[in-house]
Amino acid sequence: MNRMVPGRDAIAESADAITELVQHLEVVVDCAEAGQGERRQQLVAWMASEIDVDPVVESFGSPAFKEVPLPSRPEAARIARVLTAFVLRQQWRISDQVTDSAVLMVSELAANVVQHTGARVFGLRLRRGAGWIRIEVRDPSRGLPCLMPVSTTDLRGRGLLVVNQLSDRWGVDLLPRGKTTWFELRFTPAHERTRIQPLAQPD
């Protein structure tokens, strides 16, 4: 059964929106290199707040529990961002610093699948271990992504550059049918949000 986000015109992502996103990511890379974390967080907040979380999670499910199939269409990158932010912030209580980097990178991997593989559907899976997070994007193509040199004026080809700069580790695993492109981020207890305890009721 095909799953679709119900009645959300905001999910439709035009070619102009993709170009705008790439331009924002170019700024993000420059900010990351310069150590301007505040500006980077502002850009990520802009992307993560594009659509409501609840209808997306209800329609696709949580990729923390099992691989979630996403349609290979331009709006898939946006959906992947929302699902990743939901898992890291709300389910796993991970800090904004780690979450923001993961949202940027999963957006790039999803966009690469849509633009380069010809797939109809691809999978998104999030895994968590002791002190690390792994995010996987699986697609049916066995063509390997390449980290290409880009200049400051290039608007395309920056996807893996972002992943290479922000992740602690990344790679590609070839499968009998297709491949899984993944990245990992390490985190410490300082990167976990403290759960707010309810106030005790007076006797």
C-alpha atoms as a PDB file:
ATOM      1  CA  MET A   1       0.000   0.000   0.000  1.00  0.00           C
ATOM      2  CA  ASN A   2       1.390   3.367  -1.013  1.00  0.00           C
ATOM      3  CA  ARG A   3       1.738   5.920   1.733  1.00  0.00           C
ATOM      4  CA  MET A   4       1.310   9.603   1.036  1.00  0.00           C
ATOM      5  CA  VAL A   5       1.361  12.712   3.174  1.00  0.00           C
ATOM      6  CA  PRO A   6      -2.312  13.746   3.311  1.00  0.00           C
ATOM      7  CA  GLY A   7      -3.313  17.075   1.821  1.00  0.00           C
ATOM      8  CA  ARG A   8      -0.116  19.013   2.397  1.00  0.00           C
ATOM      9  CA  ASP A   9       0.624  21.344  -0.489  1.00  0.00           C
ATOM     10  CA  ALA A  10       3.649  22.580   1.433  1.00  0.00           C
ATOM     11  CA  ILE A  11       5.337  19.222   0.856  1.00  0.00           C
ATOM     12  CA  ALA A  12       5.523  19.713  -2.901  1.00  0.00           C
ATOM     13  CA  GLU A  13       9.085  20.810  -3.651  1.00  0.00           C
ATOM     14  CA  SER A  14       9.759  22.520  -6.948  1.00  0.00           C
ATOM     15  CA  ALA A  15      13.019  22.682  -8.842  1.00  0.00           C
ATOM     16  CA  ASP A  16      13.418  26.264  -7.634  1.00  0.00           C
ATOM     17  CA  ALA A  17      13.170  25.077  -4.033  1.00  0.00           C
ATOM     18  CA  ILE A  18      15.887  22.484  -4.611  1.00  0.00           C
ATOM     19  CA  THR A  19      18.162  25.147  -6.080  1.00  0.00           C
ATOM     20  CA  GLU A  20      17.462  27.361  -3.088  1.00  0.00           C
ATOM     21  CA  LEU A  21      18.342  24.511  -0.727  1.00  0.00           C
ATOM     22  CA  VAL A  22      21.639  23.883  -2.505  1.00  0.00           C
ATOM     23  CA  GLN A  23      22.470  27.570  -2.232  1.00  0.00           C
ATOM     24  CA  HIS A  24      21.744  27.477   1.487  1.00  0.00           C
ATOM     25  CA  LEU A  25      23.921  24.397   1.890  1.00  0.00           C
ATOM     26  CA  GLU A  26      26.760  26.239   0.188  1.00  0.00           C
ATOM     27  CA  VAL A  27      26.512  28.873   2.902  1.00  0.00           C
ATOM     28  CA  VAL A  28      26.346  26.142   5.539  1.00  0.00           C
ATOM     29  CA  VAL A  29      29.614  24.632   4.333  1.00  0.00           C
ATOM     30  CA  ASP A  30      31.299  28.018   4.414  1.00  0.00           C
ATOM     31  CA  CYS A  31      29.959  28.661   7.911  1.00  0.00           C
ATOM     32  CA  ALA A  32      31.101  25.263   9.139  1.00  0.00           C
ATOM     33  CA  GLU A  33      34.587  25.924   7.835  1.00  0.00           C
ATOM     34  CA  ALA A  34      34.652  29.295   9.564  1.00  0.00           C
ATOM     35  CA  GLY A  35      33.257  27.882  12.803  1.00  0.00           C
ATOM     36  CA  GLN A  36      30.104  29.975  12.679  1.00  0.00           C
ATOM     37  CA  GLY A  37      27.810  27.496  14.397  1.00  0.00           C
ATOM     38  CA  GLU A  38      25.054  29.990  15.132  1.00  0.00           C
ATOM     39  CA  ARG A  39      24.467  30.810  11.470  1.00  0.00           C
ATOM     40  CA  ARG A  40      24.500  27.114  10.580  1.00  0.00           C
ATOM     41  CA  GLN A  41      21.843  26.372  13.204  1.00  0.00           C
ATOM     42  CA  GLN A  42      19.638  29.128  11.813  1.00  0.00           C
ATOM     43  CA  LEU A  43      19.792  27.573   8.353  1.00  0.00           C
ATOM     44  CA  VAL A  44      19.013  24.099   9.684  1.00  0.00           C
ATOM     45  CA  ALA A  45      16.082  25.447  11.690  1.00  0.00           C
ATOM     46  CA  TRP A  46      14.744  26.971   8.466  1.00  0.00           C
ATOM     47  CA  MET A  47      14.850  23.583   6.750  1.00  0.00           C
ATOM     48  CA  ALA A  48      13.499  21.517   9.642  1.00  0.00           C
ATOM     49  CA  SER A  49      10.486  23.796  10.138  1.00  0.00           C
ATOM     50  CA  GLU A  50       9.249  23.626   6.544  1.00  0.00           C
ATOM     51  CA  ILE A  51       6.401  21.195   7.233  1.00  0.00           C
ATOM     52  CA  ASP A  52       4.502  19.827  10.214  1.00  0.00           C
ATOM     53  CA  VAL A  53       6.057  16.794  11.851  1.00  0.00           C
ATOM     54  CA  ASP A  54       2.978  14.867  12.967  1.00  0.00           C
ATOM     55  CA  PRO A  55       1.368  14.072   9.582  1.00  0.00           C
ATOM     56  CA  VAL A  56       4.742  13.010   8.164  1.00  0.00           C
ATOM     57  CA  VAL A  57       5.469  10.606  11.016  1.00  0.00           C
ATOM     58  CA  GLU A  58       1.914   9.250  10.896  1.00  0.00           C
ATOM     59  CA  SER A  59       2.200   8.604   7.169  1.00  0.00           C
ATOM     60  CA  PHE A  60       5.688   7.114   6.975  1.00  0.00           C
ATOM     61  CA  GLY A  61       6.457   5.855  10.476  1.00  0.00           C
ATOM     62  CA  SER A  62       9.641   6.237  12.496  1.00  0.00           C
ATOM     63  CA  PRO A  63      12.900   5.127  10.831  1.00  0.00           C
ATOM     64  CA  ALA A  64      14.254   4.378  14.315  1.00  0.00           C
ATOM     65  CA  PHE A  65      12.101   1.227  14.474  1.00  0.00           C
ATOM     66  CA  LYS A  66      12.503  -0.080  10.926  1.00  0.00           C
ATOM     67  CA  GLU A  67      13.530   1.070   7.474  1.00  0.00           C
ATOM     68  CA  VAL A  68      11.041   3.581   6.116  1.00  0.00           C
ATOM     69  CA  PRO A  69      10.358   3.574   2.354  1.00  0.00           C
ATOM     70  CA  LEU A  70      10.293   7.029   0.803  1.00  0.00           C
ATOM     71  CA  PRO A  71       9.156   7.924  -2.718  1.00  0.00           C
ATOM     72  CA  SER A  72      12.063   9.007  -4.895  1.00  0.00           C
ATOM     73  CA  ARG A  73      10.664  12.450  -5.648  1.00  0.00           C
ATOM     74  CA  PRO A  74      12.030  15.932  -4.911  1.00  0.00           C
ATOM     75  CA  GLU A  75       9.988  16.225  -1.710  1.00  0.00           C
ATOM     76  CA  ALA A  76      11.668  13.105  -0.291  1.00  0.00           C
ATOM     77  CA  ALA A  77      14.680  15.093   0.931  1.00  0.00           C
ATOM     78  CA  ARG A  78      12.379  17.309   2.935  1.00  0.00           C
ATOM     79  CA  ILE A  79      10.528  14.321   4.397  1.00  0.00           C
ATOM     80  CA  ALA A  80      13.837  12.672   5.335  1.00  0.00           C
ATOM     81  CA  ARG A  81      14.879  15.838   7.166  1.00  0.00           C
ATOM     82  CA  VAL A  82      11.659  15.937   9.163  1.00  0.00           C
ATOM     83  CA  LEU A  83      11.821  12.242  10.120  1.00  0.00           C
ATOM     84  CA  THR A  84      15.475  12.507  11.144  1.00  0.00           C
ATOM     85  CA  ALA A  85      14.859  15.580  13.279  1.00  0.00           C
ATOM     86  CA  PHE A  86      11.863  13.865  14.893  1.00  0.00           C
ATOM     87  CA  VAL A  87      13.831  10.760  15.880  1.00  0.00           C
ATOM     88  CA  LEU A  88      16.898  12.581  17.176  1.00  0.00           C
ATOM     89  CA  ARG A  89      15.110  15.370  19.012  1.00  0.00           C
ATOM     90  CA  GLN A  90      11.929  13.748  20.282  1.00  0.00           C
ATOM     91  CA  GLN A  91      12.653  10.030  20.482  1.00  0.00           C
ATOM     92  CA  TRP A  92      16.341   9.950  21.335  1.00  0.00           C
ATOM     93  CA  ARG A  93      16.591  13.376  23.011  1.00  0.00           C
ATOM     94  CA  ILE A  94      19.805  14.293  21.175  1.00  0.00           C
ATOM     95  CA  SER A  95      21.127  17.837  21.261  1.00  0.00           C
ATOM     96  CA  ASP A  96      20.500  20.385  18.521  1.00  0.00           C
ATOM     97  CA  GLN A  97      24.188  20.401  17.602  1.00  0.00           C
ATOM     98  CA  VAL A  98      24.222  16.726  16.626  1.00  0.00           C
ATOM     99  CA  THR A  99      20.695  16.813  15.212  1.00  0.00           C
ATOM    100  CA  ASP A 100      21.418  19.774  12.955  1.00  0.00           C
ATOM    101  CA  SER A 101      24.404  18.032  11.378  1.00  0.00           C
ATOM    102  CA  ALA A 102      22.406  14.836  10.835  1.00  0.00           C
ATOM    103  CA  VAL A 103      19.529  16.736   9.219  1.00  0.00           C
ATOM    104  CA  LEU A 104      21.877  18.415   6.760  1.00  0.00           C
ATOM    105  CA  MET A 105      23.575  15.174   5.787  1.00  0.00           C
ATOM    106  CA  VAL A 106      20.462  13.046   5.394  1.00  0.00           C
ATOM    107  CA  SER A 107      19.023  15.747   3.158  1.00  0.00           C
ATOM    108  CA  GLU A 108      22.065  15.476   0.903  1.00  0.00           C
ATOM    109  CA  LEU A 109      21.949  11.682   0.702  1.00  0.00           C
ATOM    110  CA  ALA A 110      18.235  11.696  -0.107  1.00  0.00           C
ATOM    111  CA  ALA A 111      18.710  14.349  -2.781  1.00  0.00           C
ATOM    112  CA  ASN A 112      21.514  12.298  -4.354  1.00  0.00           C
ATOM    113  CA  VAL A 113      19.225   9.277  -4.642  1.00  0.00           C
ATOM    114  CA  VAL A 114      16.472  11.316  -6.283  1.00  0.00           C
ATOM    115  CA  GLN A 115      18.807  13.041  -8.723  1.00  0.00           C
ATOM    116  CA  HIS A 116      21.191  10.252  -9.693  1.00  0.00           C
ATOM    117  CA  THR A 117      19.819   6.723  -9.187  1.00  0.00           C
ATOM    118  CA  GLY A 118      16.533   6.547 -11.102  1.00  0.00           C
ATOM    119  CA  ALA A 119      14.992   4.696  -8.145  1.00  0.00           C
ATOM    120  CA  ARG A 120      11.249   4.763  -7.547  1.00  0.00           C
ATOM    121  CA  VAL A 121      11.615   4.173  -3.804  1.00  0.00           C
ATOM    122  CA  PHE A 122      14.500   4.292  -1.353  1.00  0.00           C
ATOM    123  CA  GLY A 123      14.854   3.405   2.323  1.00  0.00           C
ATOM    124  CA  LEU A 124      15.762   5.494   5.377  1.00  0.00           C
ATOM    125  CA  ARG A 125      16.948   3.855   8.613  1.00  0.00           C
ATOM    126  CA  LEU A 126      18.341   5.357  11.827  1.00  0.00           C
ATOM    127  CA  ARG A 127      20.332   3.295  14.324  1.00  0.00           C
ATOM    128  CA  ARG A 128      21.736   4.182  17.704  1.00  0.00           C
ATOM    129  CA  GLY A 129      24.512   2.584  19.732  1.00  0.00           C
ATOM    130  CA  ALA A 130      26.518   3.492  22.810  1.00  0.00           C
ATOM    131  CA  GLY A 131      27.785   6.953  21.956  1.00  0.00           C
ATOM    132  CA  TRP A 132      27.058   6.920  18.234  1.00  0.00           C
ATOM    133  CA  ILE A 133      24.267   7.422  15.687  1.00  0.00           C
ATOM    134  CA  ARG A 134      24.206   5.834  12.253  1.00  0.00           C
ATOM    135  CA  ILE A 135      21.899   6.970   9.451  1.00  0.00           C
ATOM    136  CA  GLU A 136      21.466   4.804   6.368  1.00  0.00           C
ATOM    137  CA  VAL A 137      19.950   5.531   2.960  1.00  0.00           C
ATOM    138  CA  ARG A 138      19.412   2.424   0.830  1.00  0.00           C
ATOM    139  CA  ASP A 139      18.666   2.560  -2.911  1.00  0.00           C
ATOM    140  CA  PRO A 140      18.537  -0.013  -5.755  1.00  0.00           C
ATOM    141  CA  SER A 141      21.461   1.429  -7.737  1.00  0.00           C
ATOM    142  CA  ARG A 142      24.952  -0.060  -7.415  1.00  0.00           C
ATOM    143  CA  GLY A 143      26.559   3.089  -8.789  1.00  0.00           C
ATOM    144  CA  LEU A 144      28.946   4.436  -6.182  1.00  0.00           C
ATOM    145  CA  PRO A 145      28.736   8.097  -5.124  1.00  0.00           C
ATOM    146  CA  CYS A 146      31.967  10.032  -5.594  1.00  0.00           C
ATOM    147  CA  LEU A 147      33.438  12.819  -3.517  1.00  0.00           C
ATOM    148  CA  MET A 148      34.320  15.301  -6.245  1.00  0.00           C
ATOM    149  CA  PRO A 149      36.377  18.501  -5.851  1.00  0.00           C
ATOM    150  CA  VAL A 150      34.220  21.612  -6.176  1.00  0.00           C
ATOM    151  CA  SER A 151      34.970  25.296  -6.402  1.00  0.00           C
ATOM    152  CA  THR A 152      33.380  28.080  -4.384  1.00  0.00           C
ATOM    153  CA  THR A 153      31.185  28.995  -7.368  1.00  0.00           C
ATOM    154  CA  ASP A 154      29.727  25.501  -7.893  1.00  0.00           C
ATOM    155  CA  LEU A 155      26.069  25.157  -6.868  1.00  0.00           C
ATOM    156  CA  ARG A 156      26.046  21.386  -7.379  1.00  0.00           C
ATOM    157  CA  GLY A 157      28.237  18.527  -6.265  1.00  0.00           C
ATOM    158  CA  ARG A 158      28.489  19.654  -2.645  1.00  0.00           C
ATOM    159  CA  GLY A 159      26.398  16.830  -1.140  1.00  0.00           C
ATOM    160  CA  LEU A 160      29.180  14.439  -0.207  1.00  0.00           C
ATOM    161  CA  LEU A 161      31.421  17.355   0.706  1.00  0.00           C
ATOM    162  CA  VAL A 162      28.917  18.260   3.420  1.00  0.00           C
ATOM    163  CA  VAL A 163      28.777  14.629   4.592  1.00  0.00           C
ATOM    164  CA  ASN A 164      32.556  14.322   4.575  1.00  0.00           C
ATOM    165  CA  GLN A 165      33.010  17.490   6.613  1.00  0.00           C
ATOM    166  CA  LEU A 166      30.279  16.984   9.205  1.00  0.00           C
ATOM    167  CA  SER A 167      30.280  13.222   9.850  1.00  0.00           C
ATOM    168  CA  ASP A 168      32.707  11.280  12.021  1.00  0.00           C
ATOM    169  CA  ARG A 169      32.621   8.419   9.531  1.00  0.00           C
ATOM    170  CA  TRP A 170      30.769   7.603   6.316  1.00  0.00           C
ATOM    171  CA  GLY A 171      30.810   5.021   3.582  1.00  0.00           C
ATOM    172  CA  VAL A 172      28.930   2.888   1.067  1.00  0.00           C
ATOM    173  CA  ASP A 173      28.034  -0.802   1.425  1.00  0.00           C
ATOM    174  CA  LEU A 174      27.247  -2.660  -1.793  1.00  0.00           C
ATOM    175  CA  LEU A 175      24.279  -5.030  -1.548  1.00  0.00           C
ATOM    176  CA  PRO A 176      23.184  -7.883  -3.836  1.00  0.00           C
ATOM    177  CA  ARG A 177      20.695  -5.377  -5.209  1.00  0.00           C
ATOM    178  CA  GLY A 178      21.690  -1.803  -4.701  1.00  0.00           C
ATOM    179  CA  LYS A 179      23.704  -0.116  -1.970  1.00  0.00           C
ATOM    180  CA  THR A 180      23.486   1.573   1.394  1.00  0.00           C
ATOM    181  CA  THR A 181      25.131   4.953   1.858  1.00  0.00           C
ATOM    182  CA  TRP A 182      25.603   5.775   5.526  1.00  0.00           C
ATOM    183  CA  PHE A 183      27.216   8.166   7.955  1.00  0.00           C
ATOM    184  CA  GLU A 184      27.899   8.099  11.678  1.00  0.00           C
ATOM    185  CA  LEU A 185      28.021  10.776  14.339  1.00  0.00           C
ATOM    186  CA  ARG A 186      29.498  10.335  17.788  1.00  0.00           C
ATOM    187  CA  PHE A 187      27.908  11.924  20.821  1.00  0.00           C
ATOM    188  CA  THR A 188      28.569  12.161  24.533  1.00  0.00           C
ATOM    189  CA  PRO A 189      26.177  12.411  27.497  1.00  0.00           C
ATOM    190  CA  ALA A 190      26.541  16.175  27.139  1.00  0.00           C
ATOM    191  CA  HIS A 191      24.755  15.881  23.769  1.00  0.00           C
ATOM    192  CA  GLU A 192      21.695  14.219  25.317  1.00  0.00           C
ATOM    193  CA  ARG A 193      18.825  16.346  26.479  1.00  0.00           C
ATOM    194  CA  THR A 194      17.795  16.017  30.110  1.00  0.00           C
ATOM    195  CA  ARG A 195      14.244  14.811  30.440  1.00  0.00           C
ATOM    196  CA  ILE A 196      12.092  17.215  32.439  1.00  0.00           C
ATOM    197  CA  GLN A 197      10.699  15.547  35.527  1.00  0.00           C
ATOM    198  CA  PRO A 198       7.070  16.350  36.431  1.00  0.00           C
ATOM    199  CA  LEU A 199       6.573  18.471  39.491  1.00  0.00           C
ATOM    200  CA  ALA A 200       5.402  16.628  42.587  1.00  0.00           C
ATOM    201  CA  GLN A 201       1.757  17.226  43.395  1.00  0.00           C
ATOM    202  CA  PRO A 202       1.072  18.732  46.833  1.00  0.00           C
ATOM    203  CA  ASP A 203      -0.555  16.450  49.400  1.00  0.00           C
END
